[in-house]
């Protein structure tokens, strides 16, 4: 595969992952006080594990922002765009090299870093949008902890399955 074909394949993969992120975020979500809990971050972690960092950041930002737009959370579109890009950047940098292993201590540490970004990012967003520094933390943090934990567990289940399939797939 030449360089142009490889770049095109990467771009198509990023676009498909942006769509998966939007679908997992928008379709399967549980409304909360001023947002919703979803597992779309699992697809962000997957994008960051397999794509070059700028492509993963774009897929995460676009997919997350589109989900908020579709769900009617227009005040969150720009913050989500920025927060989800930061999640992909954190996962890519802390999680280490692309590809295998997709399950490692570094990837666990990356999901913890992403949880901190999610909790702080959406807490500050809620403070800016609604006010109430302490109140917004109490309203946003529990849902974001659940979301980050569920997304990490889903990512590791998918990653473990992908590693197993790769081990079972004969090389040609």
N, C-alpha and C. Protein backbone atom coordinates (compact mmCIF):
# COMPACT_ATOMS: atom_id res chain seq x y z
N UNK A 1 0.85 -1.17 0.00
CA UNK A 1 0.00 0.00 0.00
C UNK A 1 0.90 1.24 0.00
N UNK A 2 0.63 2.15 -0.94
CA UNK A 2 1.46 3.35 -1.01
C UNK A 2 1.00 4.38 0.03
N UNK A 3 1.75 5.46 0.14
CA UNK A 3 1.51 6.47 1.17
C UNK A 3 0.13 7.14 1.03
N UNK A 4 -0.27 7.43 -0.21
CA UNK A 4 -1.58 8.07 -0.44
C UNK A 4 -2.72 7.14 -0.03
N UNK A 5 -2.58 5.86 -0.35
CA UNK A 5 -3.61 4.88 0.02
C UNK A 5 -3.67 4.71 1.54
N UNK A 6 -2.50 4.70 2.17
CA UNK A 6 -2.44 4.57 3.63
C UNK A 6 -3.09 5.77 4.31
N UNK A 7 -2.83 6.97 3.80
CA UNK A 7 -3.43 8.17 4.37
C UNK A 7 -4.95 8.15 4.17
N UNK A 8 -5.38 7.71 3.00
CA UNK A 8 -6.81 7.62 2.73
C UNK A 8 -7.48 6.60 3.65
N UNK A 9 -6.84 5.47 3.89
CA UNK A 9 -7.37 4.45 4.79
C UNK A 9 -7.47 5.00 6.21
N UNK A 10 -6.47 5.75 6.64
CA UNK A 10 -6.48 6.35 7.97
C UNK A 10 -7.61 7.36 8.10
N UNK A 11 -7.81 8.17 7.08
CA UNK A 11 -8.87 9.18 7.10
C UNK A 11 -10.25 8.52 7.13
N UNK A 12 -10.44 7.47 6.35
CA UNK A 12 -11.72 6.75 6.35
C UNK A 12 -11.97 6.09 7.71
N UNK A 13 -10.94 5.50 8.29
CA UNK A 13 -11.06 4.88 9.61
C UNK A 13 -11.43 5.93 10.65
N UNK A 14 -10.79 7.10 10.58
CA UNK A 14 -11.11 8.19 11.52
C UNK A 14 -12.56 8.63 11.36
N UNK A 15 -13.03 8.74 10.12
CA UNK A 15 -14.41 9.13 9.87
C UNK A 15 -15.40 8.10 10.40
N UNK A 16 -15.08 6.83 10.19
CA UNK A 16 -15.96 5.77 10.70
C UNK A 16 -15.98 5.77 12.23
N UNK A 17 -14.83 5.98 12.84
CA UNK A 17 -14.78 6.03 14.30
C UNK A 17 -15.50 7.26 14.85
N UNK A 18 -15.45 8.38 14.14
CA UNK A 18 -16.22 9.56 14.56
C UNK A 18 -17.71 9.22 14.57
N UNK A 19 -18.16 8.48 13.55
CA UNK A 19 -19.56 8.07 13.49
C UNK A 19 -19.90 7.10 14.62
N UNK A 20 -19.00 6.16 14.92
CA UNK A 20 -19.22 5.21 16.02
C UNK A 20 -19.29 5.95 17.35
N UNK A 21 -18.39 6.92 17.54
CA UNK A 21 -18.39 7.73 18.77
C UNK A 21 -19.72 8.45 18.91
N UNK A 22 -20.17 9.08 17.83
CA UNK A 22 -21.45 9.81 17.87
C UNK A 22 -22.60 8.85 18.17
N UNK A 23 -22.61 7.69 17.53
CA UNK A 23 -23.69 6.73 17.75
C UNK A 23 -23.70 6.17 19.16
N UNK A 24 -22.53 5.76 19.67
CA UNK A 24 -22.46 5.22 21.02
C UNK A 24 -22.82 6.27 22.07
N UNK A 25 -22.50 7.52 21.77
CA UNK A 25 -22.79 8.60 22.70
C UNK A 25 -24.26 8.98 22.67
N UNK A 26 -24.79 9.16 21.48
CA UNK A 26 -26.16 9.65 21.31
C UNK A 26 -27.22 8.57 21.53
N UNK A 27 -26.98 7.39 20.99
CA UNK A 27 -28.00 6.35 20.99
C UNK A 27 -28.19 5.70 22.35
N UNK A 28 -27.10 5.34 22.99
CA UNK A 28 -27.17 4.63 24.27
C UNK A 28 -26.73 5.56 25.39
N UNK A 29 -27.65 6.43 25.82
CA UNK A 29 -27.29 7.33 26.91
C UNK A 29 -28.40 7.41 27.95
N UNK A 30 -27.95 7.78 29.15
CA UNK A 30 -28.87 7.92 30.28
C UNK A 30 -28.84 9.38 30.71
N UNK A 31 -29.95 10.10 30.59
CA UNK A 31 -29.97 11.52 30.97
C UNK A 31 -29.67 11.71 32.46
N UNK A 32 -28.96 12.79 32.77
CA UNK A 32 -28.67 13.18 34.15
C UNK A 32 -29.15 14.62 34.35
N UNK A 33 -28.80 15.22 35.46
CA UNK A 33 -29.27 16.57 35.79
C UNK A 33 -29.03 17.57 34.65
N UNK A 34 -27.81 17.67 34.16
CA UNK A 34 -27.54 18.64 33.09
C UNK A 34 -26.65 18.03 32.00
N UNK A 35 -26.87 16.78 31.71
CA UNK A 35 -26.11 16.09 30.68
C UNK A 35 -26.61 14.66 30.54
N UNK A 36 -25.71 13.76 30.19
CA UNK A 36 -26.08 12.36 30.09
C UNK A 36 -24.85 11.47 30.21
N UNK A 37 -25.09 10.23 30.65
CA UNK A 37 -24.05 9.23 30.79
C UNK A 37 -24.08 8.36 29.54
N UNK A 38 -22.93 8.05 29.00
CA UNK A 38 -22.84 7.24 27.78
C UNK A 38 -21.54 6.44 27.77
N UNK A 39 -21.38 5.58 26.78
CA UNK A 39 -20.15 4.79 26.64
C UNK A 39 -19.37 5.19 25.40
N UNK A 40 -19.65 6.34 24.84
CA UNK A 40 -18.95 6.80 23.64
C UNK A 40 -17.46 6.99 23.85
N UNK A 41 -17.05 7.25 25.09
CA UNK A 41 -15.62 7.44 25.34
C UNK A 41 -14.83 6.16 25.08
N UNK A 42 -15.48 5.00 25.17
CA UNK A 42 -14.80 3.74 24.84
C UNK A 42 -14.31 3.77 23.40
N UNK A 43 -15.12 4.30 22.50
CA UNK A 43 -14.71 4.40 21.09
C UNK A 43 -13.63 5.46 20.91
N UNK A 44 -13.62 6.48 21.76
CA UNK A 44 -12.54 7.48 21.72
C UNK A 44 -11.23 6.81 22.10
N UNK A 45 -11.26 5.98 23.14
CA UNK A 45 -10.04 5.27 23.56
C UNK A 45 -9.57 4.34 22.44
N UNK A 46 -10.52 3.68 21.79
CA UNK A 46 -10.17 2.78 20.68
C UNK A 46 -9.54 3.57 19.54
N UNK A 47 -10.13 4.72 19.21
CA UNK A 47 -9.55 5.56 18.15
C UNK A 47 -8.13 5.97 18.50
N UNK A 48 -7.92 6.36 19.76
CA UNK A 48 -6.59 6.80 20.19
C UNK A 48 -5.60 5.64 20.23
N UNK A 49 -6.09 4.42 20.38
CA UNK A 49 -5.21 3.25 20.42
C UNK A 49 -4.78 2.80 19.02
N UNK A 50 -5.56 3.13 17.99
CA UNK A 50 -5.25 2.60 16.66
C UNK A 50 -4.92 3.66 15.61
N UNK A 51 -5.28 4.91 15.85
CA UNK A 51 -5.05 5.96 14.86
C UNK A 51 -3.88 6.86 15.27
N UNK A 52 -3.27 7.54 14.30
CA UNK A 52 -2.32 8.59 14.65
C UNK A 52 -3.06 9.65 15.48
N UNK A 53 -2.36 10.26 16.42
CA UNK A 53 -2.98 11.16 17.39
C UNK A 53 -3.85 12.26 16.78
N UNK A 54 -3.40 12.99 15.75
CA UNK A 54 -4.27 14.04 15.21
C UNK A 54 -5.59 13.50 14.65
N UNK A 55 -5.56 12.33 14.05
CA UNK A 55 -6.79 11.72 13.51
C UNK A 55 -7.71 11.27 14.63
N UNK A 56 -7.11 10.71 15.69
CA UNK A 56 -7.91 10.28 16.84
C UNK A 56 -8.56 11.48 17.51
N UNK A 57 -7.82 12.57 17.64
CA UNK A 57 -8.37 13.78 18.25
C UNK A 57 -9.52 14.33 17.42
N UNK A 58 -9.37 14.33 16.11
CA UNK A 58 -10.44 14.82 15.22
C UNK A 58 -11.67 13.93 15.32
N UNK A 59 -11.48 12.62 15.30
CA UNK A 59 -12.61 11.69 15.40
C UNK A 59 -13.34 11.88 16.72
N UNK A 60 -12.59 12.02 17.81
CA UNK A 60 -13.18 12.19 19.13
C UNK A 60 -13.95 13.49 19.22
N UNK A 61 -13.33 14.57 18.78
CA UNK A 61 -13.96 15.89 18.86
C UNK A 61 -15.22 15.97 18.01
N UNK A 62 -15.13 15.51 16.78
CA UNK A 62 -16.27 15.59 15.87
C UNK A 62 -17.39 14.64 16.31
N UNK A 63 -17.05 13.41 16.66
CA UNK A 63 -18.06 12.44 17.10
C UNK A 63 -18.78 12.89 18.36
N UNK A 64 -18.03 13.36 19.35
CA UNK A 64 -18.65 13.82 20.60
C UNK A 64 -19.51 15.05 20.40
N UNK A 65 -19.00 16.01 19.63
CA UNK A 65 -19.75 17.24 19.38
C UNK A 65 -21.03 16.95 18.59
N UNK A 66 -20.94 16.06 17.62
CA UNK A 66 -22.13 15.71 16.84
C UNK A 66 -23.19 15.06 17.72
N UNK A 67 -22.78 14.23 18.66
CA UNK A 67 -23.74 13.59 19.56
C UNK A 67 -24.47 14.64 20.40
N UNK A 68 -23.72 15.62 20.92
CA UNK A 68 -24.37 16.68 21.71
C UNK A 68 -25.32 17.49 20.84
N UNK A 69 -24.93 17.77 19.62
CA UNK A 69 -25.78 18.52 18.72
C UNK A 69 -27.07 17.75 18.43
N UNK A 70 -26.93 16.46 18.14
CA UNK A 70 -28.11 15.62 17.86
C UNK A 70 -29.02 15.46 19.08
N UNK A 71 -28.41 15.43 20.27
CA UNK A 71 -29.19 15.25 21.50
C UNK A 71 -29.81 16.56 21.99
N UNK A 72 -29.49 17.67 21.34
CA UNK A 72 -30.06 18.95 21.73
C UNK A 72 -29.30 19.68 22.82
N UNK A 73 -28.10 19.25 23.13
CA UNK A 73 -27.26 19.91 24.13
C UNK A 73 -26.31 20.89 23.44
N UNK A 74 -26.90 21.89 22.78
CA UNK A 74 -26.10 22.80 21.96
C UNK A 74 -25.10 23.61 22.78
N UNK A 75 -25.41 23.90 24.02
CA UNK A 75 -24.47 24.63 24.87
C UNK A 75 -23.22 23.83 25.19
N UNK A 76 -23.29 22.54 24.98
CA UNK A 76 -22.15 21.67 25.28
C UNK A 76 -21.32 21.32 24.04
N UNK A 77 -21.74 21.70 22.85
CA UNK A 77 -21.06 21.28 21.63
C UNK A 77 -19.58 21.71 21.63
N UNK A 78 -19.30 22.98 21.87
CA UNK A 78 -17.90 23.44 21.86
C UNK A 78 -17.10 22.84 23.02
N UNK A 79 -17.62 22.87 24.26
CA UNK A 79 -16.84 22.23 25.33
C UNK A 79 -16.58 20.74 25.06
N UNK A 80 -17.58 20.04 24.56
CA UNK A 80 -17.40 18.62 24.25
C UNK A 80 -16.35 18.43 23.17
N UNK A 81 -16.38 19.28 22.15
CA UNK A 81 -15.39 19.21 21.08
C UNK A 81 -13.98 19.27 21.68
N UNK A 82 -13.77 20.20 22.58
CA UNK A 82 -12.45 20.39 23.20
C UNK A 82 -12.11 19.27 24.18
N UNK A 83 -13.07 18.89 25.03
CA UNK A 83 -12.82 17.86 26.04
C UNK A 83 -12.54 16.51 25.38
N UNK A 84 -13.31 16.15 24.38
CA UNK A 84 -13.11 14.85 23.73
C UNK A 84 -11.78 14.81 22.96
N UNK A 85 -11.38 15.92 22.36
CA UNK A 85 -10.06 15.97 21.72
C UNK A 85 -8.97 15.76 22.77
N UNK A 86 -9.15 16.36 23.95
CA UNK A 86 -8.17 16.19 25.03
C UNK A 86 -8.14 14.74 25.52
N UNK A 87 -9.29 14.07 25.54
CA UNK A 87 -9.31 12.65 25.92
C UNK A 87 -8.46 11.82 24.96
N UNK A 88 -8.66 12.04 23.67
CA UNK A 88 -7.88 11.28 22.69
C UNK A 88 -6.39 11.58 22.82
N UNK A 89 -6.04 12.84 23.05
CA UNK A 89 -4.64 13.22 23.22
C UNK A 89 -4.05 12.54 24.46
N UNK A 90 -4.76 12.59 25.56
CA UNK A 90 -4.30 11.96 26.81
C UNK A 90 -4.13 10.46 26.62
N UNK A 91 -5.12 9.81 26.03
CA UNK A 91 -5.04 8.36 25.86
C UNK A 91 -3.87 7.98 24.95
N UNK A 92 -3.68 8.75 23.88
CA UNK A 92 -2.59 8.45 22.95
C UNK A 92 -1.22 8.65 23.60
N UNK A 93 -1.07 9.73 24.35
CA UNK A 93 0.24 10.04 24.93
C UNK A 93 0.55 9.19 26.16
N UNK A 94 -0.41 9.01 27.04
CA UNK A 94 -0.17 8.22 28.26
C UNK A 94 -0.22 6.73 27.93
N UNK A 95 -1.12 6.35 27.03
CA UNK A 95 -1.32 4.94 26.70
C UNK A 95 -0.20 4.30 25.91
N UNK A 96 0.63 5.10 25.29
CA UNK A 96 1.78 4.55 24.59
C UNK A 96 1.54 4.29 23.11
N UNK A 97 2.40 3.47 22.56
CA UNK A 97 2.44 3.21 21.13
C UNK A 97 1.12 2.67 20.59
N UNK A 98 0.88 2.97 19.32
CA UNK A 98 -0.33 2.50 18.64
C UNK A 98 -0.28 0.99 18.46
N UNK A 99 -1.44 0.40 18.39
CA UNK A 99 -1.53 -1.03 18.14
C UNK A 99 -1.38 -1.86 19.39
N UNK A 100 -0.75 -3.00 19.25
CA UNK A 100 -0.65 -3.96 20.34
C UNK A 100 0.49 -3.60 21.28
N UNK A 101 0.40 -3.87 22.56
CA UNK A 101 -0.79 -4.39 23.22
C UNK A 101 -1.82 -3.29 23.45
N UNK A 102 -3.07 -3.64 23.28
CA UNK A 102 -4.15 -2.67 23.49
C UNK A 102 -4.63 -2.69 24.94
N UNK A 103 -4.20 -3.70 25.68
CA UNK A 103 -4.50 -3.78 27.11
C UNK A 103 -3.16 -3.79 27.83
N UNK A 104 -2.91 -2.77 28.63
CA UNK A 104 -1.65 -2.66 29.36
C UNK A 104 -1.84 -1.72 30.54
N UNK A 105 -0.86 -1.71 31.42
CA UNK A 105 -0.90 -0.79 32.56
C UNK A 105 -0.93 0.65 32.06
N UNK A 106 -0.18 0.95 31.01
CA UNK A 106 -0.19 2.32 30.46
C UNK A 106 -1.58 2.71 29.97
N UNK A 107 -2.29 1.77 29.38
CA UNK A 107 -3.64 2.06 28.90
C UNK A 107 -4.59 2.26 30.09
N UNK A 108 -4.40 1.51 31.16
CA UNK A 108 -5.20 1.71 32.37
C UNK A 108 -4.94 3.11 32.92
N UNK A 109 -3.67 3.50 33.00
CA UNK A 109 -3.32 4.84 33.48
C UNK A 109 -3.93 5.91 32.56
N UNK A 110 -3.96 5.63 31.26
CA UNK A 110 -4.56 6.58 30.31
C UNK A 110 -6.04 6.77 30.58
N UNK A 111 -6.75 5.68 30.87
CA UNK A 111 -8.19 5.82 31.16
C UNK A 111 -8.42 6.59 32.45
N UNK A 112 -7.53 6.45 33.41
CA UNK A 112 -7.65 7.23 34.65
C UNK A 112 -7.43 8.71 34.36
N UNK A 113 -6.42 9.03 33.56
CA UNK A 113 -6.19 10.42 33.15
C UNK A 113 -7.38 10.98 32.40
N UNK A 114 -7.97 10.17 31.53
CA UNK A 114 -9.15 10.61 30.78
C UNK A 114 -10.34 10.84 31.71
N UNK A 115 -10.47 10.02 32.74
CA UNK A 115 -11.55 10.22 33.72
C UNK A 115 -11.39 11.57 34.41
N UNK A 116 -10.17 11.91 34.78
CA UNK A 116 -9.92 13.20 35.44
C UNK A 116 -10.27 14.35 34.49
N UNK A 117 -9.88 14.24 33.23
CA UNK A 117 -10.20 15.27 32.23
C UNK A 117 -11.71 15.41 32.08
N UNK A 118 -12.42 14.29 32.00
CA UNK A 118 -13.88 14.30 31.85
C UNK A 118 -14.55 14.97 33.05
N UNK A 119 -14.16 14.55 34.24
CA UNK A 119 -14.78 15.09 35.46
C UNK A 119 -14.53 16.59 35.57
N UNK A 120 -13.28 17.01 35.42
CA UNK A 120 -12.96 18.43 35.56
C UNK A 120 -13.53 19.24 34.40
N UNK A 121 -13.42 18.72 33.19
CA UNK A 121 -13.90 19.44 32.01
C UNK A 121 -15.39 19.73 32.05
N UNK A 122 -16.18 18.72 32.37
CA UNK A 122 -17.62 18.93 32.40
C UNK A 122 -18.08 19.66 33.65
N UNK A 123 -17.34 19.54 34.73
CA UNK A 123 -17.65 20.33 35.93
C UNK A 123 -17.44 21.81 35.64
N UNK A 124 -16.30 22.16 35.03
CA UNK A 124 -16.04 23.57 34.72
C UNK A 124 -17.04 24.09 33.68
N UNK A 125 -17.40 23.24 32.73
CA UNK A 125 -18.41 23.63 31.74
C UNK A 125 -19.73 23.96 32.43
N UNK A 126 -20.15 23.10 33.35
CA UNK A 126 -21.41 23.34 34.08
C UNK A 126 -21.34 24.60 34.92
N UNK A 127 -20.17 24.86 35.53
CA UNK A 127 -20.01 26.09 36.32
C UNK A 127 -20.16 27.31 35.42
N UNK A 128 -19.55 27.28 34.24
CA UNK A 128 -19.65 28.40 33.30
C UNK A 128 -21.10 28.57 32.82
N UNK A 129 -21.76 27.47 32.50
CA UNK A 129 -23.12 27.54 31.97
C UNK A 129 -24.18 27.86 33.02
N UNK A 130 -24.01 27.31 34.23
CA UNK A 130 -25.08 27.40 35.22
C UNK A 130 -24.68 28.07 36.53
N UNK A 131 -23.39 28.24 36.77
CA UNK A 131 -22.93 28.79 38.05
C UNK A 131 -22.98 27.75 39.15
N UNK A 132 -22.48 28.11 40.32
CA UNK A 132 -22.53 27.20 41.46
C UNK A 132 -21.38 26.22 41.48
N UNK A 133 -20.21 26.70 41.83
CA UNK A 133 -18.97 25.92 41.83
C UNK A 133 -19.13 24.57 42.53
N UNK A 134 -19.51 24.57 43.80
CA UNK A 134 -19.65 23.34 44.57
C UNK A 134 -20.84 22.51 44.15
N UNK A 135 -21.95 23.19 43.89
CA UNK A 135 -23.17 22.50 43.49
C UNK A 135 -22.96 21.74 42.20
N UNK A 136 -22.33 22.37 41.23
CA UNK A 136 -22.11 21.71 39.93
C UNK A 136 -21.19 20.50 40.06
N UNK A 137 -20.22 20.59 40.99
CA UNK A 137 -19.37 19.41 41.18
C UNK A 137 -20.21 18.24 41.69
N UNK A 138 -21.07 18.51 42.65
CA UNK A 138 -21.93 17.45 43.19
C UNK A 138 -22.91 16.91 42.15
N UNK A 139 -23.33 17.77 41.22
CA UNK A 139 -24.28 17.35 40.19
C UNK A 139 -23.61 16.62 39.03
N UNK A 140 -22.37 16.98 38.70
CA UNK A 140 -21.73 16.42 37.51
C UNK A 140 -20.76 15.28 37.80
N UNK A 141 -20.04 15.34 38.90
CA UNK A 141 -18.98 14.36 39.15
C UNK A 141 -19.47 12.91 39.22
N UNK A 142 -20.54 12.60 39.95
CA UNK A 142 -20.96 11.18 40.02
C UNK A 142 -21.26 10.57 38.64
N UNK A 143 -22.01 11.29 37.82
CA UNK A 143 -22.32 10.78 36.48
C UNK A 143 -21.09 10.62 35.63
N UNK A 144 -20.16 11.55 35.74
CA UNK A 144 -18.94 11.45 34.94
C UNK A 144 -18.01 10.34 35.43
N UNK A 145 -18.03 10.04 36.71
CA UNK A 145 -17.26 8.90 37.22
C UNK A 145 -17.85 7.60 36.66
N UNK A 146 -19.18 7.49 36.68
CA UNK A 146 -19.84 6.31 36.12
C UNK A 146 -19.52 6.18 34.63
N UNK A 147 -19.64 7.28 33.91
CA UNK A 147 -19.38 7.27 32.47
C UNK A 147 -17.94 6.86 32.17
N UNK A 148 -16.98 7.44 32.87
CA UNK A 148 -15.57 7.13 32.63
C UNK A 148 -15.26 5.67 32.96
N UNK A 149 -15.83 5.17 34.04
CA UNK A 149 -15.59 3.78 34.43
C UNK A 149 -16.20 2.82 33.42
N UNK A 150 -17.45 3.06 33.04
CA UNK A 150 -18.11 2.18 32.07
C UNK A 150 -17.40 2.20 30.73
N UNK A 151 -16.97 3.38 30.30
CA UNK A 151 -16.25 3.49 29.02
C UNK A 151 -14.92 2.76 29.07
N UNK A 152 -14.21 2.87 30.18
CA UNK A 152 -12.93 2.17 30.32
C UNK A 152 -13.14 0.66 30.28
N UNK A 153 -14.14 0.17 31.01
CA UNK A 153 -14.41 -1.27 31.02
C UNK A 153 -14.81 -1.77 29.64
N UNK A 154 -15.65 -1.01 28.94
CA UNK A 154 -16.05 -1.40 27.58
C UNK A 154 -14.85 -1.38 26.65
N UNK A 155 -13.99 -0.36 26.74
CA UNK A 155 -12.79 -0.31 25.91
C UNK A 155 -11.94 -1.56 26.14
N UNK A 156 -11.69 -1.90 27.42
CA UNK A 156 -10.81 -3.04 27.70
C UNK A 156 -11.43 -4.35 27.24
N UNK A 157 -12.74 -4.49 27.28
CA UNK A 157 -13.40 -5.69 26.76
C UNK A 157 -13.21 -5.78 25.25
N UNK A 158 -13.41 -4.67 24.55
CA UNK A 158 -13.23 -4.64 23.09
C UNK A 158 -11.76 -4.87 22.74
N UNK A 159 -10.85 -4.21 23.45
CA UNK A 159 -9.42 -4.34 23.18
C UNK A 159 -8.94 -5.77 23.40
N UNK A 160 -9.41 -6.40 24.48
CA UNK A 160 -9.02 -7.79 24.75
C UNK A 160 -9.52 -8.71 23.64
N UNK A 161 -10.74 -8.47 23.18
CA UNK A 161 -11.29 -9.28 22.09
C UNK A 161 -10.49 -9.07 20.81
N UNK A 162 -10.11 -7.82 20.53
CA UNK A 162 -9.32 -7.53 19.33
C UNK A 162 -7.94 -8.20 19.41
N UNK A 163 -7.33 -8.19 20.59
CA UNK A 163 -6.03 -8.85 20.75
C UNK A 163 -6.16 -10.36 20.54
N UNK A 164 -7.23 -10.92 21.07
CA UNK A 164 -7.45 -12.36 20.91
C UNK A 164 -7.66 -12.72 19.44
N UNK A 165 -8.45 -11.94 18.75
CA UNK A 165 -8.69 -12.20 17.32
C UNK A 165 -7.39 -12.08 16.54
N UNK A 166 -6.57 -11.09 16.87
CA UNK A 166 -5.31 -10.92 16.16
C UNK A 166 -4.38 -12.10 16.39
N UNK A 167 -4.38 -12.65 17.60
CA UNK A 167 -3.54 -13.81 17.91
C UNK A 167 -4.02 -15.04 17.15
N UNK A 168 -5.33 -15.15 16.94
CA UNK A 168 -5.92 -16.32 16.27
C UNK A 168 -5.87 -16.20 14.75
N UNK A 169 -5.68 -14.99 14.24
CA UNK A 169 -5.70 -14.77 12.79
C UNK A 169 -4.36 -15.17 12.20
N UNK A 170 -4.38 -16.12 11.23
CA UNK A 170 -3.12 -16.54 10.61
C UNK A 170 -2.51 -15.40 9.79
N UNK A 171 -1.21 -15.29 9.85
CA UNK A 171 -0.48 -14.27 9.06
C UNK A 171 -0.25 -14.82 7.66
N UNK A 172 -0.41 -13.94 6.66
CA UNK A 172 -0.17 -14.37 5.27
C UNK A 172 1.02 -13.66 4.69
